[in-house]
């Protein structure tokens, strides 16, 4: 169990970009559902931080599928869950940036 969830700048910017896109293209309902689902998953990860799949062993980075289009990358440090990035799965896998 982690005590703190920390959003780094990249994760925050990407999350806001996704929300802006959803709001402009799909409206309030889809945007609200995405935000609710993201925060529900963050609560699950706070309780069980090792739920996500290991994406990069050396850097101890894990990934968790938010929707079929978006994956959350995070790292666990002490009692913190550090959110690193929201990745659009429709991109080429080599463009993954943690």
PDB file of N, CA and C in Angstrom:
ATOM      1  N   UNK A   1       0.846  -1.179   0.000  1.00  0.00           N
ATOM      2  CA  UNK A   1       0.000   0.000   0.000  1.00  0.00           C
ATOM      3  C   UNK A   1       0.886   1.236   0.000  1.00  0.00           C
ATOM      4  N   UNK A   2       0.546   2.199  -0.855  1.00  0.00           N
ATOM      5  CA  UNK A   2       1.297   3.445  -0.913  1.00  0.00           C
ATOM      6  C   UNK A   2       0.498   4.546  -0.222  1.00  0.00           C
ATOM      7  N   UNK A   3       1.198   5.534   0.280  1.00  0.00           N
ATOM      8  CA  UNK A   3       0.537   6.626   0.991  1.00  0.00           C
ATOM      9  C   UNK A   3       0.309   7.837   0.110  1.00  0.00           C
ATOM     10  N   UNK A   4       1.155   8.003  -0.909  1.00  0.00           N
ATOM     11  CA  UNK A   4       1.086   9.200  -1.741  1.00  0.00           C
ATOM     12  C   UNK A   4       1.138   8.823  -3.215  1.00  0.00           C
ATOM     13  N   UNK A   5       0.315   9.490  -4.017  1.00  0.00           N
ATOM     14  CA  UNK A   5       0.387   9.361  -5.468  1.00  0.00           C
ATOM     15  C   UNK A   5       0.958  10.668  -5.989  1.00  0.00           C
ATOM     16  N   UNK A   6       2.064  10.569  -6.723  1.00  0.00           N
ATOM     17  CA  UNK A   6       2.756  11.746  -7.235  1.00  0.00           C
ATOM     18  C   UNK A   6       2.643  11.759  -8.752  1.00  0.00           C
ATOM     19  N   UNK A   7       2.153  12.869  -9.296  1.00  0.00           N
ATOM     20  CA  UNK A   7       2.060  13.041 -10.742  1.00  0.00           C
ATOM     21  C   UNK A   7       3.301  13.807 -11.196  1.00  0.00           C
ATOM     22  N   UNK A   8       4.082  13.226 -12.115  1.00  0.00           N
ATOM     23  CA  UNK A   8       5.176  14.027 -12.650  1.00  0.00           C
ATOM     24  C   UNK A   8       4.622  14.908 -13.770  1.00  0.00           C
ATOM     25  N   UNK A   9       5.441  15.799 -14.262  1.00  0.00           N
ATOM     26  CA  UNK A   9       4.972  16.790 -15.236  1.00  0.00           C
ATOM     27  C   UNK A   9       4.463  16.135 -16.513  1.00  0.00           C
ATOM     28  N   UNK A  10       5.184  15.130 -17.020  1.00  0.00           N
ATOM     29  CA  UNK A  10       4.769  14.480 -18.267  1.00  0.00           C
ATOM     30  C   UNK A  10       3.411  13.803 -18.103  1.00  0.00           C
ATOM     31  N   UNK A  11       3.213  13.090 -17.016  1.00  0.00           N
ATOM     32  CA  UNK A  11       1.936  12.411 -16.786  1.00  0.00           C
ATOM     33  C   UNK A  11       0.802  13.420 -16.686  1.00  0.00           C
ATOM     34  N   UNK A  12       1.040  14.495 -15.969  1.00  0.00           N
ATOM     35  CA  UNK A  12       0.017  15.527 -15.808  1.00  0.00           C
ATOM     36  C   UNK A  12      -0.335  16.173 -17.144  1.00  0.00           C
ATOM     37  N   UNK A  13       0.682  16.524 -17.923  1.00  0.00           N
ATOM     38  CA  UNK A  13       0.443  17.149 -19.226  1.00  0.00           C
ATOM     39  C   UNK A  13      -0.279  16.207 -20.176  1.00  0.00           C
ATOM     40  N   UNK A  14       0.131  14.943 -20.218  1.00  0.00           N
ATOM     41  CA  UNK A  14      -0.524  13.980 -21.103  1.00  0.00           C
ATOM     42  C   UNK A  14      -1.960  13.704 -20.680  1.00  0.00           C
ATOM     43  N   UNK A  15      -2.198  13.620 -19.381  1.00  0.00           N
ATOM     44  CA  UNK A  15      -3.561  13.410 -18.880  1.00  0.00           C
ATOM     45  C   UNK A  15      -4.451  14.589 -19.280  1.00  0.00           C
ATOM     46  N   UNK A  16      -3.941  15.798 -19.106  1.00  0.00           N
ATOM     47  CA  UNK A  16      -4.710  16.987 -19.497  1.00  0.00           C
ATOM     48  C   UNK A  16      -4.952  17.028 -21.000  1.00  0.00           C
ATOM     49  N   UNK A  17      -3.983  16.595 -21.793  1.00  0.00           N
ATOM     50  CA  UNK A  17      -4.161  16.545 -23.248  1.00  0.00           C
ATOM     51  C   UNK A  17      -5.240  15.545 -23.636  1.00  0.00           C
ATOM     52  N   UNK A  18      -5.252  14.403 -22.971  1.00  0.00           N
ATOM     53  CA  UNK A  18      -6.284  13.400 -23.246  1.00  0.00           C
ATOM     54  C   UNK A  18      -7.656  13.947 -22.895  1.00  0.00           C
ATOM     55  N   UNK A  19      -7.762  14.610 -21.768  1.00  0.00           N
ATOM     56  CA  UNK A  19      -9.048  15.181 -21.351  1.00  0.00           C
ATOM     57  C   UNK A  19      -9.513  16.239 -22.353  1.00  0.00           C
ATOM     58  N   UNK A  20      -8.606  17.091 -22.792  1.00  0.00           N
ATOM     59  CA  UNK A  20      -8.955  18.123 -23.775  1.00  0.00           C
ATOM     60  C   UNK A  20      -9.441  17.485 -25.069  1.00  0.00           C
ATOM     61  N   UNK A  21      -8.715  16.473 -25.541  1.00  0.00           N
ATOM     62  CA  UNK A  21      -9.112  15.775 -26.761  1.00  0.00           C
ATOM     63  C   UNK A  21     -10.493  15.147 -26.607  1.00  0.00           C
ATOM     64  N   UNK A  22     -10.703  14.414 -25.515  1.00  0.00           N
ATOM     65  CA  UNK A  22     -11.995  13.756 -25.300  1.00  0.00           C
ATOM     66  C   UNK A  22     -13.126  14.772 -25.212  1.00  0.00           C
ATOM     67  N   UNK A  23     -12.871  15.865 -24.525  1.00  0.00           N
ATOM     68  CA  UNK A  23     -13.895  16.908 -24.377  1.00  0.00           C
ATOM     69  C   UNK A  23     -14.276  17.494 -25.738  1.00  0.00           C
ATOM     70  N   UNK A  24     -13.275  17.786 -26.566  1.00  0.00           N
ATOM     71  CA  UNK A  24     -13.533  18.402 -27.876  1.00  0.00           C
ATOM     72  C   UNK A  24     -14.157  17.435 -28.864  1.00  0.00           C
ATOM     73  N   UNK A  25     -13.727  16.171 -28.831  1.00  0.00           N
ATOM     74  CA  UNK A  25     -14.167  15.207 -29.837  1.00  0.00           C
ATOM     75  C   UNK A  25     -15.367  14.367 -29.410  1.00  0.00           C
ATOM     76  N   UNK A  26     -15.491  14.066 -28.123  1.00  0.00           N
ATOM     77  CA  UNK A  26     -16.495  13.103 -27.679  1.00  0.00           C
ATOM     78  C   UNK A  26     -17.478  13.640 -26.649  1.00  0.00           C
ATOM     79  N   UNK A  27     -17.188  14.773 -26.037  1.00  0.00           N
ATOM     80  CA  UNK A  27     -18.147  15.377 -25.127  1.00  0.00           C
ATOM     81  C   UNK A  27     -17.945  15.040 -23.654  1.00  0.00           C
ATOM     82  N   UNK A  28     -18.887  15.541 -22.858  1.00  0.00           N
ATOM     83  CA  UNK A  28     -18.785  15.459 -21.404  1.00  0.00           C
ATOM     84  C   UNK A  28     -18.857  14.029 -20.860  1.00  0.00           C
ATOM     85  N   UNK A  29     -19.767  13.239 -21.380  1.00  0.00           N
ATOM     86  CA  UNK A  29     -19.985  11.906 -20.820  1.00  0.00           C
ATOM     87  C   UNK A  29     -18.743  11.025 -20.951  1.00  0.00           C
ATOM     88  N   UNK A  30     -18.148  10.997 -22.137  1.00  0.00           N
ATOM     89  CA  UNK A  30     -16.961  10.175 -22.365  1.00  0.00           C
ATOM     90  C   UNK A  30     -15.796  10.692 -21.529  1.00  0.00           C
ATOM     91  N   UNK A  31     -15.648  12.007 -21.471  1.00  0.00           N
ATOM     92  CA  UNK A  31     -14.572  12.605 -20.679  1.00  0.00           C
ATOM     93  C   UNK A  31     -14.733  12.258 -19.208  1.00  0.00           C
ATOM     94  N   UNK A  32     -15.924  12.410 -18.691  1.00  0.00           N
ATOM     95  CA  UNK A  32     -16.196  12.097 -17.287  1.00  0.00           C
ATOM     96  C   UNK A  32     -15.921  10.625 -16.988  1.00  0.00           C
ATOM     97  N   UNK A  33     -16.345   9.735 -17.885  1.00  0.00           N
ATOM     98  CA  UNK A  33     -16.099   8.301 -17.687  1.00  0.00           C
ATOM     99  C   UNK A  33     -14.605   7.981 -17.669  1.00  0.00           C
ATOM    100  N   UNK A  34     -13.833   8.638 -18.536  1.00  0.00           N
ATOM    101  CA  UNK A  34     -12.389   8.419 -18.555  1.00  0.00           C
ATOM    102  C   UNK A  34     -11.746   8.878 -17.248  1.00  0.00           C
ATOM    103  N   UNK A  35     -12.132  10.047 -16.775  1.00  0.00           N
ATOM    104  CA  UNK A  35     -11.560  10.574 -15.524  1.00  0.00           C
ATOM    105  C   UNK A  35     -11.933   9.674 -14.356  1.00  0.00           C
ATOM    106  N   UNK A  36     -13.186   9.254 -14.276  1.00  0.00           N
ATOM    107  CA  UNK A  36     -13.622   8.377 -13.190  1.00  0.00           C
ATOM    108  C   UNK A  36     -12.860   7.053 -13.241  1.00  0.00           C
ATOM    109  N   UNK A  37     -12.742   6.479 -14.425  1.00  0.00           N
ATOM    110  CA  UNK A  37     -12.024   5.200 -14.564  1.00  0.00           C
ATOM    111  C   UNK A  37     -10.557   5.354 -14.160  1.00  0.00           C
ATOM    112  N   UNK A  38      -9.930   6.448 -14.564  1.00  0.00           N
ATOM    113  CA  UNK A  38      -8.521   6.681 -14.216  1.00  0.00           C
ATOM    114  C   UNK A  38      -8.353   6.761 -12.706  1.00  0.00           C
ATOM    115  N   UNK A  39      -9.203   7.516 -12.028  1.00  0.00           N
ATOM    116  CA  UNK A  39      -9.061   7.651 -10.576  1.00  0.00           C
ATOM    117  C   UNK A  39      -9.423   6.359  -9.832  1.00  0.00           C
ATOM    118  N   UNK A  40     -10.348   5.573 -10.386  1.00  0.00           N
ATOM    119  CA  UNK A  40     -10.634   4.270  -9.784  1.00  0.00           C
ATOM    120  C   UNK A  40      -9.415   3.350  -9.880  1.00  0.00           C
ATOM    121  N   UNK A  41      -8.759   3.382 -11.018  1.00  0.00           N
ATOM    122  CA  UNK A  41      -7.560   2.557 -11.201  1.00  0.00           C
ATOM    123  C   UNK A  41      -6.442   3.047 -10.299  1.00  0.00           C
ATOM    124  N   UNK A  42      -6.318   4.360 -10.128  1.00  0.00           N
ATOM    125  CA  UNK A  42      -5.293   4.891  -9.218  1.00  0.00           C
ATOM    126  C   UNK A  42      -5.544   4.420  -7.783  1.00  0.00           C
ATOM    127  N   UNK A  43      -6.807   4.355  -7.383  1.00  0.00           N
ATOM    128  CA  UNK A  43      -7.124   3.834  -6.043  1.00  0.00           C
ATOM    129  C   UNK A  43      -6.729   2.366  -5.921  1.00  0.00           C
ATOM    130  N   UNK A  44      -7.000   1.582  -6.966  1.00  0.00           N
ATOM    131  CA  UNK A  44      -6.609   0.172  -6.961  1.00  0.00           C
ATOM    132  C   UNK A  44      -5.090   0.027  -6.883  1.00  0.00           C
ATOM    133  N   UNK A  45      -4.382   0.836  -7.663  1.00  0.00           N
ATOM    134  CA  UNK A  45      -2.922   0.771  -7.659  1.00  0.00           C
ATOM    135  C   UNK A  45      -2.336   1.232  -6.329  1.00  0.00           C
ATOM    136  N   UNK A  46      -2.998   2.170  -5.664  1.00  0.00           N
ATOM    137  CA  UNK A  46      -2.524   2.611  -4.357  1.00  0.00           C
ATOM    138  C   UNK A  46      -2.638   1.476  -3.340  1.00  0.00           C
ATOM    139  N   UNK A  47      -3.677   0.664  -3.452  1.00  0.00           N
ATOM    140  CA  UNK A  47      -3.854  -0.477  -2.555  1.00  0.00           C
ATOM    141  C   UNK A  47      -2.935  -1.640  -2.921  1.00  0.00           C
ATOM    142  N   UNK A  48      -2.752  -1.868  -4.226  1.00  0.00           N
ATOM    143  CA  UNK A  48      -1.953  -2.989  -4.724  1.00  0.00           C
ATOM    144  C   UNK A  48      -1.002  -2.479  -5.801  1.00  0.00           C
ATOM    145  N   UNK A  49       0.067  -1.817  -5.438  1.00  0.00           N
ATOM    146  CA  UNK A  49       0.918  -1.149  -6.435  1.00  0.00           C
ATOM    147  C   UNK A  49       1.623  -2.095  -7.405  1.00  0.00           C
ATOM    148  N   UNK A  50       1.707  -3.354  -7.097  1.00  0.00           N
ATOM    149  CA  UNK A  50       2.393  -4.276  -7.992  1.00  0.00           C
ATOM    150  C   UNK A  50       1.443  -4.974  -8.957  1.00  0.00           C
ATOM    151  N   UNK A  51       0.231  -4.448  -9.105  1.00  0.00           N
ATOM    152  CA  UNK A  51      -0.753  -5.013 -10.025  1.00  0.00           C
ATOM    153  C   UNK A  51      -0.328  -4.883 -11.479  1.00  0.00           C
ATOM    154  N   UNK A  52       0.313  -3.790 -11.810  1.00  0.00           N
ATOM    155  CA  UNK A  52       0.680  -3.531 -13.193  1.00  0.00           C
ATOM    156  C   UNK A  52       1.775  -4.458 -13.693  1.00  0.00           C
ATOM    157  N   UNK A  53       1.833  -4.601 -14.994  1.00  0.00           N
ATOM    158  CA  UNK A  53       2.863  -5.455 -15.588  1.00  0.00           C
ATOM    159  C   UNK A  53       4.207  -4.738 -15.590  1.00  0.00           C
ATOM    160  N   UNK A  54       5.266  -5.497 -15.450  1.00  0.00           N
ATOM    161  CA  UNK A  54       6.610  -4.924 -15.465  1.00  0.00           C
ATOM    162  C   UNK A  54       6.957  -4.586 -16.914  1.00  0.00           C
ATOM    163  N   UNK A  55       7.250  -3.313 -17.160  1.00  0.00           N
ATOM    164  CA  UNK A  55       7.563  -2.847 -18.505  1.00  0.00           C
ATOM    165  C   UNK A  55       9.056  -2.655 -18.710  1.00  0.00           C
ATOM    166  N   UNK A  56       9.749  -2.234 -17.666  1.00  0.00           N
ATOM    167  CA  UNK A  56      11.191  -1.996 -17.754  1.00  0.00           C
ATOM    168  C   UNK A  56      11.805  -2.398 -16.422  1.00  0.00           C
ATOM    169  N   UNK A  57      12.493  -3.527 -16.414  1.00  0.00           N
ATOM    170  CA  UNK A  57      12.994  -4.112 -15.167  1.00  0.00           C
ATOM    171  C   UNK A  57      14.027  -3.216 -14.492  1.00  0.00           C
ATOM    172  N   UNK A  58      15.011  -2.740 -15.243  1.00  0.00           N
ATOM    173  CA  UNK A  58      16.091  -1.956 -14.641  1.00  0.00           C
ATOM    174  C   UNK A  58      15.589  -0.666 -13.991  1.00  0.00           C
ATOM    175  N   UNK A  59      14.639  -0.018 -14.638  1.00  0.00           N
ATOM    176  CA  UNK A  59      14.110   1.248 -14.108  1.00  0.00           C
ATOM    177  C   UNK A  59      12.921   1.029 -13.169  1.00  0.00           C
ATOM    178  N   UNK A  60      12.527  -0.223 -12.983  1.00  0.00           N
ATOM    179  CA  UNK A  60      11.401  -0.597 -12.130  1.00  0.00           C
ATOM    180  C   UNK A  60      10.109   0.122 -12.535  1.00  0.00           C
ATOM    181  N   UNK A  61       9.842   0.138 -13.833  1.00  0.00           N
ATOM    182  CA  UNK A  61       8.657   0.800 -14.362  1.00  0.00           C
ATOM    183  C   UNK A  61       7.596  -0.245 -14.652  1.00  0.00           C
ATOM    184  N   UNK A  62       6.390   0.061 -14.227  1.00  0.00           N
ATOM    185  CA  UNK A  62       5.241  -0.814 -14.447  1.00  0.00           C
ATOM    186  C   UNK A  62       4.224  -0.096 -15.322  1.00  0.00           C
ATOM    187  N   UNK A  63       3.381  -0.869 -15.977  1.00  0.00           N
ATOM    188  CA  UNK A  63       2.334  -0.313 -16.818  1.00  0.00           C
ATOM    189  C   UNK A  63       0.983  -0.904 -16.456  1.00  0.00           C
ATOM    190  N   UNK A  64      -0.061  -0.109 -16.659  1.00  0.00           N
ATOM    191  CA  UNK A  64      -1.414  -0.586 -16.396  1.00  0.00           C
ATOM    192  C   UNK A  64      -2.333  -0.008 -17.462  1.00  0.00           C
ATOM    193  N   UNK A  65      -3.128  -0.856 -18.093  1.00  0.00           N
ATOM    194  CA  UNK A  65      -4.032  -0.440 -19.160  1.00  0.00           C
ATOM    195  C   UNK A  65      -5.229   0.300 -18.570  1.00  0.00           C
ATOM    196  N   UNK A  66      -5.370   1.579 -18.942  1.00  0.00           N
ATOM    197  CA  UNK A  66      -6.503   2.383 -18.476  1.00  0.00           C
ATOM    198  C   UNK A  66      -7.710   2.120 -19.381  1.00  0.00           C
ATOM    199  N   UNK A  67      -7.503   2.303 -20.675  1.00  0.00           N
ATOM    200  CA  UNK A  67      -8.486   1.949 -21.696  1.00  0.00           C
ATOM    201  C   UNK A  67      -7.724   1.208 -22.783  1.00  0.00           C
ATOM    202  N   UNK A  68      -8.418   0.736 -23.792  1.00  0.00           N
ATOM    203  CA  UNK A  68      -7.687   0.034 -24.844  1.00  0.00           C
ATOM    204  C   UNK A  68      -6.750   0.967 -25.602  1.00  0.00           C
ATOM    205  N   UNK A  69      -6.940   2.278 -25.447  1.00  0.00           N
ATOM    206  CA  UNK A  69      -6.100   3.254 -26.140  1.00  0.00           C
ATOM    207  C   UNK A  69      -5.020   3.872 -25.254  1.00  0.00           C
ATOM    208  N   UNK A  70      -5.108   3.726 -23.938  1.00  0.00           N
ATOM    209  CA  UNK A  70      -4.192   4.426 -23.036  1.00  0.00           C
ATOM    210  C   UNK A  70      -3.632   3.506 -21.957  1.00  0.00           C
ATOM    211  N   UNK A  71      -2.319   3.590 -21.786  1.00  0.00           N
ATOM    212  CA  UNK A  71      -1.628   2.848 -20.736  1.00  0.00           C
ATOM    213  C   UNK A  71      -0.961   3.839 -19.800  1.00  0.00           C
ATOM    214  N   UNK A  72      -1.072   3.577 -18.519  1.00  0.00           N
ATOM    215  CA  UNK A  72      -0.417   4.388 -17.497  1.00  0.00           C
ATOM    216  C   UNK A  72       0.890   3.715 -17.118  1.00  0.00           C
ATOM    217  N   UNK A  73       1.982   4.471 -17.145  1.00  0.00           N
ATOM    218  CA  UNK A  73       3.271   3.976 -16.680  1.00  0.00           C
ATOM    219  C   UNK A  73       3.572   4.618 -15.339  1.00  0.00           C
ATOM    220  N   UNK A  74       4.059   3.802 -14.405  1.00  0.00           N
ATOM    221  CA  UNK A  74       4.336   4.305 -13.058  1.00  0.00           C
ATOM    222  C   UNK A  74       5.495   3.558 -12.446  1.00  0.00           C
ATOM    223  N   UNK A  75       5.993   4.095 -11.349  1.00  0.00           N
ATOM    224  CA  UNK A  75       7.080   3.483 -10.596  1.00  0.00           C
ATOM    225  C   UNK A  75       6.727   3.571  -9.119  1.00  0.00           C
ATOM    226  N   UNK A  76       7.171   2.597  -8.355  1.00  0.00           N
ATOM    227  CA  UNK A  76       6.942   2.574  -6.909  1.00  0.00           C
ATOM    228  C   UNK A  76       8.256   2.924  -6.225  1.00  0.00           C
ATOM    229  N   UNK A  77       8.229   3.936  -5.376  1.00  0.00           N
ATOM    230  CA  UNK A  77       9.408   4.320  -4.593  1.00  0.00           C
ATOM    231  C   UNK A  77       8.969   4.513  -3.149  1.00  0.00           C
ATOM    232  N   UNK A  78       9.505   3.696  -2.262  1.00  0.00           N
ATOM    233  CA  UNK A  78       9.173   3.734  -0.842  1.00  0.00           C
ATOM    234  C   UNK A  78       7.658   3.662  -0.671  1.00  0.00           C
ATOM    235  N   UNK A  79       7.043   4.716  -0.148  1.00  0.00           N
ATOM    236  CA  UNK A  79       5.594   4.731   0.045  1.00  0.00           C
ATOM    237  C   UNK A  79       4.905   5.639  -0.971  1.00  0.00           C
ATOM    238  N   UNK A  80       5.545   5.826  -2.144  1.00  0.00           N
ATOM    239  CA  UNK A  80       4.996   6.691  -3.199  1.00  0.00           C
ATOM    240  C   UNK A  80       4.732   5.901  -4.472  1.00  0.00           C
ATOM    241  N   UNK A  81       3.662   6.260  -5.139  1.00  0.00           N
ATOM    242  CA  UNK A  81       3.358   5.761  -6.465  1.00  0.00           C
ATOM    243  C   UNK A  81       3.568   6.946  -7.400  1.00  0.00           C
ATOM    244  N   UNK A  82       4.598   6.882  -8.227  1.00  0.00           N
ATOM    245  CA  UNK A  82       4.939   8.003  -9.092  1.00  0.00           C
ATOM    246  C   UNK A  82       4.408   7.726 -10.491  1.00  0.00           C
ATOM    247  N   UNK A  83       3.480   8.563 -10.942  1.00  0.00           N
ATOM    248  CA  UNK A  83       2.904   8.425 -12.274  1.00  0.00           C
ATOM    249  C   UNK A  83       3.857   9.068 -13.269  1.00  0.00           C
ATOM    250  N   UNK A  84       4.284   8.298 -14.261  1.00  0.00           N
ATOM    251  CA  UNK A  84       5.300   8.762 -15.193  1.00  0.00           C
ATOM    252  C   UNK A  84       4.732   9.254 -16.515  1.00  0.00           C
ATOM    253  N   UNK A  85       3.744   8.528 -17.065  1.00  0.00           N
ATOM    254  CA  UNK A  85       3.259   8.891 -18.388  1.00  0.00           C
ATOM    255  C   UNK A  85       1.947   8.170 -18.688  1.00  0.00           C
ATOM    256  N   UNK A  86       1.131   8.802 -19.509  1.00  0.00           N
ATOM    257  CA  UNK A  86      -0.027   8.165 -20.119  1.00  0.00           C
ATOM    258  C   UNK A  86       0.342   7.991 -21.583  1.00  0.00           C
ATOM    259  N   UNK A  87       0.393   6.739 -22.063  1.00  0.00           N
ATOM    260  CA  UNK A  87       0.847   6.449 -23.413  1.00  0.00           C
ATOM    261  C   UNK A  87      -0.328   6.035 -24.284  1.00  0.00           C
ATOM    262  N   UNK A  88      -0.401   6.602 -25.488  1.00  0.00           N
ATOM    263  CA  UNK A  88      -1.424   6.241 -26.458  1.00  0.00           C
ATOM    264  C   UNK A  88      -0.969   4.962 -27.157  1.00  0.00           C
ATOM    265  N   UNK A  89      -1.682   3.877 -26.963  1.00  0.00           N
ATOM    266  CA  UNK A  89      -1.298   2.573 -27.492  1.00  0.00           C
ATOM    267  C   UNK A  89      -1.374   2.489 -29.015  1.00  0.00           C
ATOM    268  N   UNK A  90      -1.964   3.480 -29.657  1.00  0.00           N
ATOM    269  CA  UNK A  90      -2.042   3.468 -31.116  1.00  0.00           C
ATOM    270  C   UNK A  90      -0.733   3.933 -31.747  1.00  0.00           C
ATOM    271  N   UNK A  91       0.189   4.438 -30.938  1.00  0.00           N
ATOM    272  CA  UNK A  91       1.494   4.841 -31.438  1.00  0.00           C
ATOM    273  C   UNK A  91       2.372   3.607 -31.628  1.00  0.00           C
ATOM    274  N   UNK A  92       3.459   3.779 -32.334  1.00  0.00           N
ATOM    275  CA  UNK A  92       4.420   2.691 -32.510  1.00  0.00           C
ATOM    276  C   UNK A  92       5.059   2.368 -31.165  1.00  0.00           C
ATOM    277  N   UNK A  93       5.203   1.095 -30.811  1.00  0.00           N
ATOM    278  CA  UNK A  93       5.753   0.716 -29.495  1.00  0.00           C
ATOM    279  C   UNK A  93       7.144   1.282 -29.219  1.00  0.00           C
ATOM    280  N   UNK A  94       7.920   1.551 -30.239  1.00  0.00           N
ATOM    281  CA  UNK A  94       9.244   2.117 -30.021  1.00  0.00           C
ATOM    282  C   UNK A  94       9.196   3.544 -29.488  1.00  0.00           C
ATOM    283  N   UNK A  95       8.043   4.196 -29.613  1.00  0.00           N
ATOM    284  CA  UNK A  95       7.906   5.568 -29.117  1.00  0.00           C
ATOM    285  C   UNK A  95       7.538   5.623 -27.650  1.00  0.00           C
ATOM    286  N   UNK A  96       7.461   4.465 -27.002  1.00  0.00           N
ATOM    287  CA  UNK A  96       7.132   4.440 -25.575  1.00  0.00           C
ATOM    288  C   UNK A  96       8.129   5.286 -24.809  1.00  0.00           C
ATOM    289  N   UNK A  97       7.623   6.228 -24.082  1.00  0.00           N
ATOM    290  CA  UNK A  97       8.499   7.028 -23.220  1.00  0.00           C
ATOM    291  C   UNK A  97       7.952   6.942 -21.814  1.00  0.00           C
ATOM    292  N   UNK A  98       8.804   6.487 -20.932  1.00  0.00           N
ATOM    293  CA  UNK A  98       8.385   6.297 -19.561  1.00  0.00           C
ATOM    294  C   UNK A  98       8.575   7.600 -18.856  1.00  0.00           C
TER     295      UNK A  98
END
